[in-house]
Amino acid sequence: MRVKFFAYLRDPEYAACREASITGVTTVRELGFRIGELYGERFLNEFFTPDRTDIGERIFVLVNGRRTEFLSGLDTPLAETDEVSVFPVVAGG
């Protein structure tokens, strides 16, 4: 599947790329851990809550344009043809 990263998640200390091709995962949870294997602990700490039971509060994930909290959260199923977008929460004014 195609995974796209946005804003500071593209920086070297996180994913260091704009997009990646990931295979062999079936849920958003598995995807988070796979990306963590590729890009390290700092990405894992951003993607997950400290106990690794939910998506971190500073991240939101879209699967085919739909936010995972409106699907099944970390248990949202994934297919090889899906497009996943990972965004940091952005605020300003």
PDB file of N, CA and C in Angstrom:
ATOM      1  N   MET A   1       0.835  -1.170   0.000  1.00  0.00           N
ATOM      2  CA  MET A   1       0.000   0.000   0.000  1.00  0.00           C
ATOM      3  C   MET A   1       0.880   1.233   0.000  1.00  0.00           C
ATOM      4  N   ARG A   2       0.313   2.326  -0.418  1.00  0.00           N
ATOM      5  CA  ARG A   2       1.054   3.582  -0.449  1.00  0.00           C
ATOM      6  C   ARG A   2       0.765   4.344   0.839  1.00  0.00           C
ATOM      7  N   VAL A   3       1.821   4.757   1.513  1.00  0.00           N
ATOM      8  CA  VAL A   3       1.700   5.527   2.752  1.00  0.00           C
ATOM      9  C   VAL A   3       2.343   6.880   2.511  1.00  0.00           C
ATOM     10  N   LYS A   4       1.584   7.946   2.758  1.00  0.00           N
ATOM     11  CA  LYS A   4       2.079   9.304   2.545  1.00  0.00           C
ATOM     12  C   LYS A   4       2.230  10.005   3.896  1.00  0.00           C
ATOM     13  N   PHE A   5       3.334  10.736   4.038  1.00  0.00           N
ATOM     14  CA  PHE A   5       3.626  11.472   5.267  1.00  0.00           C
ATOM     15  C   PHE A   5       3.558  12.967   4.980  1.00  0.00           C
ATOM     16  N   PHE A   6       3.111  13.743   5.969  1.00  0.00           N
ATOM     17  CA  PHE A   6       2.928  15.175   5.778  1.00  0.00           C
ATOM     18  C   PHE A   6       3.602  15.977   6.886  1.00  0.00           C
ATOM     19  N   ALA A   7       3.895  17.244   6.552  1.00  0.00           N
ATOM     20  CA  ALA A   7       4.478  18.231   7.475  1.00  0.00           C
ATOM     21  C   ALA A   7       5.776  17.709   8.077  1.00  0.00           C
ATOM     22  N   TYR A   8       5.968  17.868   9.387  1.00  0.00           N
ATOM     23  CA  TYR A   8       7.257  17.507   9.996  1.00  0.00           C
ATOM     24  C   TYR A   8       7.527  16.008   9.986  1.00  0.00           C
ATOM     25  N   LEU A   9       6.530  15.176   9.708  1.00  0.00           N
ATOM     26  CA  LEU A   9       6.779  13.731   9.639  1.00  0.00           C
ATOM     27  C   LEU A   9       7.684  13.374   8.464  1.00  0.00           C
ATOM     28  N   ARG A  10       7.890  14.309   7.546  1.00  0.00           N
ATOM     29  CA  ARG A  10       8.808  14.096   6.422  1.00  0.00           C
ATOM     30  C   ARG A  10      10.259  14.383   6.807  1.00  0.00           C
ATOM     31  N   ASP A  11      10.470  14.968   7.982  1.00  0.00           N
ATOM     32  CA  ASP A  11      11.817  15.343   8.422  1.00  0.00           C
ATOM     33  C   ASP A  11      12.656  14.114   8.747  1.00  0.00           C
ATOM     34  N   PRO A  12      13.978  14.240   8.676  1.00  0.00           N
ATOM     35  CA  PRO A  12      14.874  13.098   8.921  1.00  0.00           C
ATOM     36  C   PRO A  12      14.686  12.410  10.269  1.00  0.00           C
ATOM     37  N   GLU A  13      14.282  13.138  11.303  1.00  0.00           N
ATOM     38  CA  GLU A  13      14.127  12.487  12.607  1.00  0.00           C
ATOM     39  C   GLU A  13      12.833  11.680  12.724  1.00  0.00           C
ATOM     40  N   TYR A  14      11.978  11.735  11.714  1.00  0.00           N
ATOM     41  CA  TYR A  14      10.757  10.932  11.690  1.00  0.00           C
ATOM     42  C   TYR A  14      10.842   9.964  10.504  1.00  0.00           C
ATOM     43  N   ALA A  15       9.987  10.100   9.521  1.00  0.00           N
ATOM     44  CA  ALA A  15       9.983   9.156   8.397  1.00  0.00           C
ATOM     45  C   ALA A  15      11.002   9.507   7.322  1.00  0.00           C
ATOM     46  N   ALA A  16      11.392  10.771   7.250  1.00  0.00           N
ATOM     47  CA  ALA A  16      12.415  11.233   6.303  1.00  0.00           C
ATOM     48  C   ALA A  16      12.047  10.997   4.840  1.00  0.00           C
ATOM     49  N   CYS A  17      10.762  10.897   4.544  1.00  0.00           N
ATOM     50  CA  CYS A  17      10.342  10.745   3.159  1.00  0.00           C
ATOM     51  C   CYS A  17       8.919  11.250   3.001  1.00  0.00           C
ATOM     52  N   ARG A  18       8.520  11.449   1.781  1.00  0.00           N
ATOM     53  CA  ARG A  18       7.162  11.910   1.501  1.00  0.00           C
ATOM     54  C   ARG A  18       6.175  10.746   1.424  1.00  0.00           C
ATOM     55  N   GLU A  19       6.649   9.625   0.912  1.00  0.00           N
ATOM     56  CA  GLU A  19       5.779   8.450   0.860  1.00  0.00           C
ATOM     57  C   GLU A  19       6.612   7.184   0.823  1.00  0.00           C
ATOM     58  N   ALA A  20       5.950   6.090   1.202  1.00  0.00           N
ATOM     59  CA  ALA A  20       6.611   4.787   1.236  1.00  0.00           C
ATOM     60  C   ALA A  20       5.633   3.737   0.732  1.00  0.00           C
ATOM     61  N   SER A  21       6.173   2.655   0.233  1.00  0.00           N
ATOM     62  CA  SER A  21       5.372   1.505  -0.164  1.00  0.00           C
ATOM     63  C   SER A  21       5.565   0.433   0.901  1.00  0.00           C
ATOM     64  N   ILE A  22       4.474   0.035   1.545  1.00  0.00           N
ATOM     65  CA  ILE A  22       4.526  -0.936   2.641  1.00  0.00           C
ATOM     66  C   ILE A  22       3.657  -2.127   2.254  1.00  0.00           C
ATOM     67  N   THR A  23       4.154  -3.335   2.477  1.00  0.00           N
ATOM     68  CA  THR A  23       3.375  -4.541   2.178  1.00  0.00           C
ATOM     69  C   THR A  23       3.324  -5.441   3.408  1.00  0.00           C
ATOM     70  N   GLY A  24       2.384  -6.362   3.396  1.00  0.00           N
ATOM     71  CA  GLY A  24       2.326  -7.394   4.421  1.00  0.00           C
ATOM     72  C   GLY A  24       1.690  -6.993   5.735  1.00  0.00           C
ATOM     73  N   VAL A  25       0.933  -5.893   5.757  1.00  0.00           N
ATOM     74  CA  VAL A  25       0.223  -5.517   6.979  1.00  0.00           C
ATOM     75  C   VAL A  25      -1.271  -5.528   6.698  1.00  0.00           C
ATOM     76  N   THR A  26      -2.074  -5.831   7.724  1.00  0.00           N
ATOM     77  CA  THR A  26      -3.517  -5.940   7.509  1.00  0.00           C
ATOM     78  C   THR A  26      -4.338  -4.968   8.342  1.00  0.00           C
ATOM     79  N   THR A  27      -3.699  -4.231   9.270  1.00  0.00           N
ATOM     80  CA  THR A  27      -4.415  -3.237  10.077  1.00  0.00           C
ATOM     81  C   THR A  27      -3.553  -1.990  10.235  1.00  0.00           C
ATOM     82  N   VAL A  28      -4.179  -0.906  10.656  1.00  0.00           N
ATOM     83  CA  VAL A  28      -3.443   0.331  10.932  1.00  0.00           C
ATOM     84  C   VAL A  28      -2.439   0.102  12.056  1.00  0.00           C
ATOM     85  N   ARG A  29      -2.789  -0.703  13.046  1.00  0.00           N
ATOM     86  CA  ARG A  29      -1.859  -1.023  14.144  1.00  0.00           C
ATOM     87  C   ARG A  29      -0.578  -1.667  13.591  1.00  0.00           C
ATOM     88  N   GLU A  30      -0.736  -2.688  12.754  1.00  0.00           N
ATOM     89  CA  GLU A  30       0.431  -3.350  12.156  1.00  0.00           C
ATOM     90  C   GLU A  30       1.239  -2.369  11.315  1.00  0.00           C
ATOM     91  N   LEU A  31       0.548  -1.493  10.602  1.00  0.00           N
ATOM     92  CA  LEU A  31       1.235  -0.496   9.790  1.00  0.00           C
ATOM     93  C   LEU A  31       2.083   0.422  10.668  1.00  0.00           C
ATOM     94  N   GLY A  32       1.524   0.884  11.784  1.00  0.00           N
ATOM     95  CA  GLY A  32       2.283   1.748  12.692  1.00  0.00           C
ATOM     96  C   GLY A  32       3.549   1.079  13.184  1.00  0.00           C
ATOM     97  N   PHE A  33       3.445  -0.183  13.578  1.00  0.00           N
ATOM     98  CA  PHE A  33       4.631  -0.905  14.042  1.00  0.00           C
ATOM     99  C   PHE A  33       5.631  -1.142  12.905  1.00  0.00           C
ATOM    100  N   ARG A  34       5.151  -1.432  11.700  1.00  0.00           N
ATOM    101  CA  ARG A  34       6.049  -1.632  10.560  1.00  0.00           C
ATOM    102  C   ARG A  34       6.802  -0.342  10.240  1.00  0.00           C
ATOM    103  N   ILE A  35       6.091   0.779  10.220  1.00  0.00           N
ATOM    104  CA  ILE A  35       6.756   2.059   9.969  1.00  0.00           C
ATOM    105  C   ILE A  35       7.765   2.340  11.078  1.00  0.00           C
ATOM    106  N   GLY A  36       7.406   1.994  12.313  1.00  0.00           N
ATOM    107  CA  GLY A  36       8.341   2.159  13.423  1.00  0.00           C
ATOM    108  C   GLY A  36       9.603   1.332  13.246  1.00  0.00           C
ATOM    109  N   GLU A  37       9.463   0.111  12.717  1.00  0.00           N
ATOM    110  CA  GLU A  37      10.642  -0.718  12.433  1.00  0.00           C
ATOM    111  C   GLU A  37      11.547  -0.039  11.412  1.00  0.00           C
ATOM    112  N   LEU A  38      10.928   0.610  10.441  1.00  0.00           N
ATOM    113  CA  LEU A  38      11.693   1.262   9.382  1.00  0.00           C
ATOM    114  C   LEU A  38      12.316   2.579   9.831  1.00  0.00           C
ATOM    115  N   TYR A  39      11.579   3.359  10.629  1.00  0.00           N
ATOM    116  CA  TYR A  39      12.000   4.728  10.914  1.00  0.00           C
ATOM    117  C   TYR A  39      12.333   5.007  12.376  1.00  0.00           C
ATOM    118  N   GLY A  40      12.148   4.024  13.245  1.00  0.00           N
ATOM    119  CA  GLY A  40      12.658   4.175  14.593  1.00  0.00           C
ATOM    120  C   GLY A  40      11.666   4.561  15.678  1.00  0.00           C
ATOM    121  N   GLU A  41      12.216   4.597  16.880  1.00  0.00           N
ATOM    122  CA  GLU A  41      11.444   4.826  18.106  1.00  0.00           C
ATOM    123  C   GLU A  41      10.752   6.189  18.112  1.00  0.00           C
ATOM    124  N   ARG A  42      11.395   7.191  17.571  1.00  0.00           N
ATOM    125  CA  ARG A  42      10.786   8.523  17.580  1.00  0.00           C
ATOM    126  C   ARG A  42       9.467   8.519  16.801  1.00  0.00           C
ATOM    127  N   PHE A  43       9.448   7.826  15.662  1.00  0.00           N
ATOM    128  CA  PHE A  43       8.203   7.736  14.904  1.00  0.00           C
ATOM    129  C   PHE A  43       7.158   6.951  15.691  1.00  0.00           C
ATOM    130  N   LEU A  44       7.547   5.838  16.296  1.00  0.00           N
ATOM    131  CA  LEU A  44       6.613   5.044  17.110  1.00  0.00           C
ATOM    132  C   LEU A  44       5.994   5.887  18.211  1.00  0.00           C
ATOM    133  N   ASN A  45       6.821   6.679  18.882  1.00  0.00           N
ATOM    134  CA  ASN A  45       6.330   7.510  19.981  1.00  0.00           C
ATOM    135  C   ASN A  45       5.351   8.567  19.501  1.00  0.00           C
ATOM    136  N   GLU A  46       5.485   8.995  18.279  1.00  0.00           N
ATOM    137  CA  GLU A  46       4.566   9.981  17.710  1.00  0.00           C
ATOM    138  C   GLU A  46       3.281   9.302  17.229  1.00  0.00           C
ATOM    139  N   PHE A  47       3.414   8.139  16.607  1.00  0.00           N
ATOM    140  CA  PHE A  47       2.274   7.446  15.997  1.00  0.00           C
ATOM    141  C   PHE A  47       1.318   6.875  17.041  1.00  0.00           C
ATOM    142  N   PHE A  48       1.852   6.341  18.129  1.00  0.00           N
ATOM    143  CA  PHE A  48       1.049   5.664  19.153  1.00  0.00           C
ATOM    144  C   PHE A  48       1.012   6.449  20.461  1.00  0.00           C
ATOM    145  N   THR A  49       0.001   6.137  21.291  1.00  0.00           N
ATOM    146  CA  THR A  49       0.007   6.604  22.676  1.00  0.00           C
ATOM    147  C   THR A  49       1.137   5.878  23.405  1.00  0.00           C
ATOM    148  N   PRO A  50       1.556   6.368  24.592  1.00  0.00           N
ATOM    149  CA  PRO A  50       2.669   5.719  25.299  1.00  0.00           C
ATOM    150  C   PRO A  50       2.472   4.221  25.545  1.00  0.00           C
ATOM    151  N   ASP A  51       1.230   3.785  25.780  1.00  0.00           N
ATOM    152  CA  ASP A  51       0.994   2.355  26.023  1.00  0.00           C
ATOM    153  C   ASP A  51       0.748   1.572  24.726  1.00  0.00           C
ATOM    154  N   ARG A  52       0.848   2.266  23.591  1.00  0.00           N
ATOM    155  CA  ARG A  52       0.724   1.666  22.247  1.00  0.00           C
ATOM    156  C   ARG A  52      -0.665   1.067  21.969  1.00  0.00           C
ATOM    157  N   THR A  53      -1.700   1.568  22.683  1.00  0.00           N
ATOM    158  CA  THR A  53      -3.046   1.025  22.496  1.00  0.00           C
ATOM    159  C   THR A  53      -3.943   1.897  21.628  1.00  0.00           C
ATOM    160  N   ASP A  54      -3.438   3.047  21.191  1.00  0.00           N
ATOM    161  CA  ASP A  54      -4.241   3.933  20.355  1.00  0.00           C
ATOM    162  C   ASP A  54      -3.307   4.808  19.521  1.00  0.00           C
ATOM    163  N   ILE A  55      -3.890   5.501  18.571  1.00  0.00           N
ATOM    164  CA  ILE A  55      -3.115   6.457  17.779  1.00  0.00           C
ATOM    165  C   ILE A  55      -2.802   7.650  18.670  1.00  0.00           C
ATOM    166  N   GLY A  56      -1.582   8.156  18.569  1.00  0.00           N
ATOM    167  CA  GLY A  56      -1.161   9.281  19.392  1.00  0.00           C
ATOM    168  C   GLY A  56      -2.052  10.500  19.208  1.00  0.00           C
ATOM    169  N   GLU A  57      -2.125  11.320  20.239  1.00  0.00           N
ATOM    170  CA  GLU A  57      -3.025  12.471  20.180  1.00  0.00           C
ATOM    171  C   GLU A  57      -2.517  13.578  19.260  1.00  0.00           C
ATOM    172  N   ARG A  58      -1.278  13.496  18.800  1.00  0.00           N
ATOM    173  CA  ARG A  58      -0.742  14.508  17.884  1.00  0.00           C
ATOM    174  C   ARG A  58      -0.676  14.019  16.437  1.00  0.00           C
ATOM    175  N   ILE A  59      -1.358  12.898  16.154  1.00  0.00           N
ATOM    176  CA  ILE A  59      -1.345  12.294  14.813  1.00  0.00           C
ATOM    177  C   ILE A  59      -2.774  11.974  14.395  1.00  0.00           C
ATOM    178  N   PHE A  60      -3.064  12.125  13.113  1.00  0.00           N
ATOM    179  CA  PHE A  60      -4.282  11.497  12.605  1.00  0.00           C
ATOM    180  C   PHE A  60      -3.960  10.774  11.311  1.00  0.00           C
ATOM    181  N   VAL A  61      -4.679   9.681  11.114  1.00  0.00           N
ATOM    182  CA  VAL A  61      -4.413   8.761  10.006  1.00  0.00           C
ATOM    183  C   VAL A  61      -5.676   8.655   9.156  1.00  0.00           C
ATOM    184  N   LEU A  62      -5.489   8.763   7.859  1.00  0.00           N
ATOM    185  CA  LEU A  62      -6.589   8.581   6.918  1.00  0.00           C
ATOM    186  C   LEU A  62      -6.328   7.335   6.082  1.00  0.00           C
ATOM    187  N   VAL A  63      -7.365   6.546   5.884  1.00  0.00           N
ATOM    188  CA  VAL A  63      -7.305   5.391   4.989  1.00  0.00           C
ATOM    189  C   VAL A  63      -8.270   5.688   3.849  1.00  0.00           C
ATOM    190  N   ASN A  64      -7.712   5.826   2.666  1.00  0.00           N
ATOM    191  CA  ASN A  64      -8.504   6.183   1.485  1.00  0.00           C
ATOM    192  C   ASN A  64      -9.348   7.434   1.736  1.00  0.00           C
ATOM    193  N   GLY A  65      -8.744   8.408   2.431  1.00  0.00           N
ATOM    194  CA  GLY A  65      -9.396   9.686   2.675  1.00  0.00           C
ATOM    195  C   GLY A  65     -10.334   9.735   3.862  1.00  0.00           C
ATOM    196  N   ARG A  66     -10.462   8.651   4.619  1.00  0.00           N
ATOM    197  CA  ARG A  66     -11.367   8.629   5.785  1.00  0.00           C
ATOM    198  C   ARG A  66     -10.560   8.489   7.063  1.00  0.00           C
ATOM    199  N   ARG A  67     -10.852   9.334   8.048  1.00  0.00           N
ATOM    200  CA  ARG A  67     -10.127   9.291   9.319  1.00  0.00           C
ATOM    201  C   ARG A  67     -10.422   7.984  10.050  1.00  0.00           C
ATOM    202  N   THR A  68      -9.369   7.399  10.607  1.00  0.00           N
ATOM    203  CA  THR A  68      -9.511   6.085  11.245  1.00  0.00           C
ATOM    204  C   THR A  68     -10.414   6.117  12.470  1.00  0.00           C
ATOM    205  N   GLU A  69     -10.527   7.266  13.151  1.00  0.00           N
ATOM    206  CA  GLU A  69     -11.418   7.285  14.315  1.00  0.00           C
ATOM    207  C   GLU A  69     -12.879   7.130  13.920  1.00  0.00           C
ATOM    208  N   PHE A  70     -13.204   7.331  12.643  1.00  0.00           N
ATOM    209  CA  PHE A  70     -14.562   7.098  12.157  1.00  0.00           C
ATOM    210  C   PHE A  70     -14.697   5.711  11.528  1.00  0.00           C
ATOM    211  N   LEU A  71     -13.612   4.969  11.514  1.00  0.00           N
ATOM    212  CA  LEU A  71     -13.610   3.591  11.018  1.00  0.00           C
ATOM    213  C   LEU A  71     -13.457   2.677  12.232  1.00  0.00           C
ATOM    214  N   SER A  72     -12.353   1.968  12.349  1.00  0.00           N
ATOM    215  CA  SER A  72     -12.135   1.078  13.500  1.00  0.00           C
ATOM    216  C   SER A  72     -10.837   1.396  14.228  1.00  0.00           C
ATOM    217  N   GLY A  73     -10.382   2.648  14.157  1.00  0.00           N
ATOM    218  CA  GLY A  73      -9.165   3.039  14.864  1.00  0.00           C
ATOM    219  C   GLY A  73      -7.971   2.219  14.415  1.00  0.00           C
ATOM    220  N   LEU A  74      -7.179   1.767  15.382  1.00  0.00           N
ATOM    221  CA  LEU A  74      -6.002   0.957  15.062  1.00  0.00           C
ATOM    222  C   LEU A  74      -6.362  -0.374  14.418  1.00  0.00           C
ATOM    223  N   ASP A  75      -7.585  -0.831  14.622  1.00  0.00           N
ATOM    224  CA  ASP A  75      -8.017  -2.104  14.047  1.00  0.00           C
ATOM    225  C   ASP A  75      -8.636  -1.950  12.652  1.00  0.00           C
ATOM    226  N   THR A  76      -8.561  -0.752  12.085  1.00  0.00           N
ATOM    227  CA  THR A  76      -9.061  -0.534  10.728  1.00  0.00           C
ATOM    228  C   THR A  76      -8.327  -1.470   9.769  1.00  0.00           C
ATOM    229  N   PRO A  77      -9.063  -2.289   9.019  1.00  0.00           N
ATOM    230  CA  PRO A  77      -8.408  -3.211   8.083  1.00  0.00           C
ATOM    231  C   PRO A  77      -7.787  -2.463   6.907  1.00  0.00           C
ATOM    232  N   LEU A  78      -6.691  -3.013   6.411  1.00  0.00           N
ATOM    233  CA  LEU A  78      -5.985  -2.441   5.267  1.00  0.00           C
ATOM    234  C   LEU A  78      -5.838  -3.476   4.166  1.00  0.00           C
ATOM    235  N   ALA A  79      -5.868  -3.000   2.936  1.00  0.00           N
ATOM    236  CA  ALA A  79      -5.624  -3.844   1.761  1.00  0.00           C
ATOM    237  C   ALA A  79      -4.418  -3.278   1.019  1.00  0.00           C
ATOM    238  N   GLU A  80      -3.797  -4.104   0.211  1.00  0.00           N
ATOM    239  CA  GLU A  80      -2.610  -3.681  -0.542  1.00  0.00           C
ATOM    240  C   GLU A  80      -2.894  -2.501  -1.468  1.00  0.00           C
ATOM    241  N   THR A  81      -4.148  -2.312  -1.855  1.00  0.00           N
ATOM    242  CA  THR A  81      -4.503  -1.225  -2.772  1.00  0.00           C
ATOM    243  C   THR A  81      -4.860   0.077  -2.059  1.00  0.00           C
ATOM    244  N   ASP A  82      -4.832   0.093  -0.735  1.00  0.00           N
ATOM    245  CA  ASP A  82      -5.207   1.285   0.028  1.00  0.00           C
ATOM    246  C   ASP A  82      -4.140   2.370  -0.030  1.00  0.00           C
ATOM    247  N   GLU A  83      -4.591   3.603   0.179  1.00  0.00           N
ATOM    248  CA  GLU A  83      -3.682   4.732   0.352  1.00  0.00           C
ATOM    249  C   GLU A  83      -3.884   5.253   1.769  1.00  0.00           C
ATOM    250  N   VAL A  84      -2.799   5.310   2.522  1.00  0.00           N
ATOM    251  CA  VAL A  84      -2.837   5.764   3.911  1.00  0.00           C
ATOM    252  C   VAL A  84      -2.070   7.076   3.996  1.00  0.00           C
ATOM    253  N   SER A  85      -2.673   8.063   4.644  1.00  0.00           N
ATOM    254  CA  SER A  85      -2.026   9.356   4.854  1.00  0.00           C
ATOM    255  C   SER A  85      -1.848   9.567   6.346  1.00  0.00           C
ATOM    256  N   VAL A  86      -0.648   9.991   6.743  1.00  0.00           N
ATOM    257  CA  VAL A  86      -0.328  10.202   8.157  1.00  0.00           C
ATOM    258  C   VAL A  86       0.014  11.681   8.338  1.00  0.00           C
ATOM    259  N   PHE A  87      -0.799  12.369   9.141  1.00  0.00           N
ATOM    260  CA  PHE A  87      -0.651  13.805   9.369  1.00  0.00           C
ATOM    261  C   PHE A  87      -0.386  14.097  10.842  1.00  0.00           C
ATOM    262  N   PRO A  88       0.443  15.088  11.125  1.00  0.00           N
ATOM    263  CA  PRO A  88       0.484  15.605  12.485  1.00  0.00           C
ATOM    264  C   PRO A  88      -0.677  16.584  12.656  1.00  0.00           C
ATOM    265  N   VAL A  89      -1.144  16.731  13.880  1.00  0.00           N
ATOM    266  CA  VAL A  89      -2.165  17.731  14.161  1.00  0.00           C
ATOM    267  C   VAL A  89      -1.516  19.100  14.006  1.00  0.00           C
ATOM    268  N   VAL A  90      -2.199  19.995  13.324  1.00  0.00           N
ATOM    269  CA  VAL A  90      -1.678  21.338  13.101  1.00  0.00           C
ATOM    270  C   VAL A  90      -2.682  22.337  13.653  1.00  0.00           C
ATOM    271  N   ALA A  91      -2.191  23.315  14.361  1.00  0.00           N
ATOM    272  CA  ALA A  91      -3.058  24.356  14.904  1.00  0.00           C
ATOM    273  C   ALA A  91      -2.406  25.706  14.658  1.00  0.00           C
ATOM    274  N   GLY A  92      -3.172  26.689  14.677  1.00  0.00           N
ATOM    275  CA  GLY A  92      -2.629  28.027  14.487  1.00  0.00           C
ATOM    276  C   GLY A  92      -3.740  29.048  14.477  1.00  0.00           C
ATOM    277  N   GLY A  93      -3.341  30.248  14.306  1.00  0.00           N
ATOM    278  CA  GLY A  93      -4.375  31.266  14.283  1.00  0.00           C
ATOM    279  C   GLY A  93      -3.815  32.605  13.932  1.00  0.00           C
TER     280      GLY A  93
END
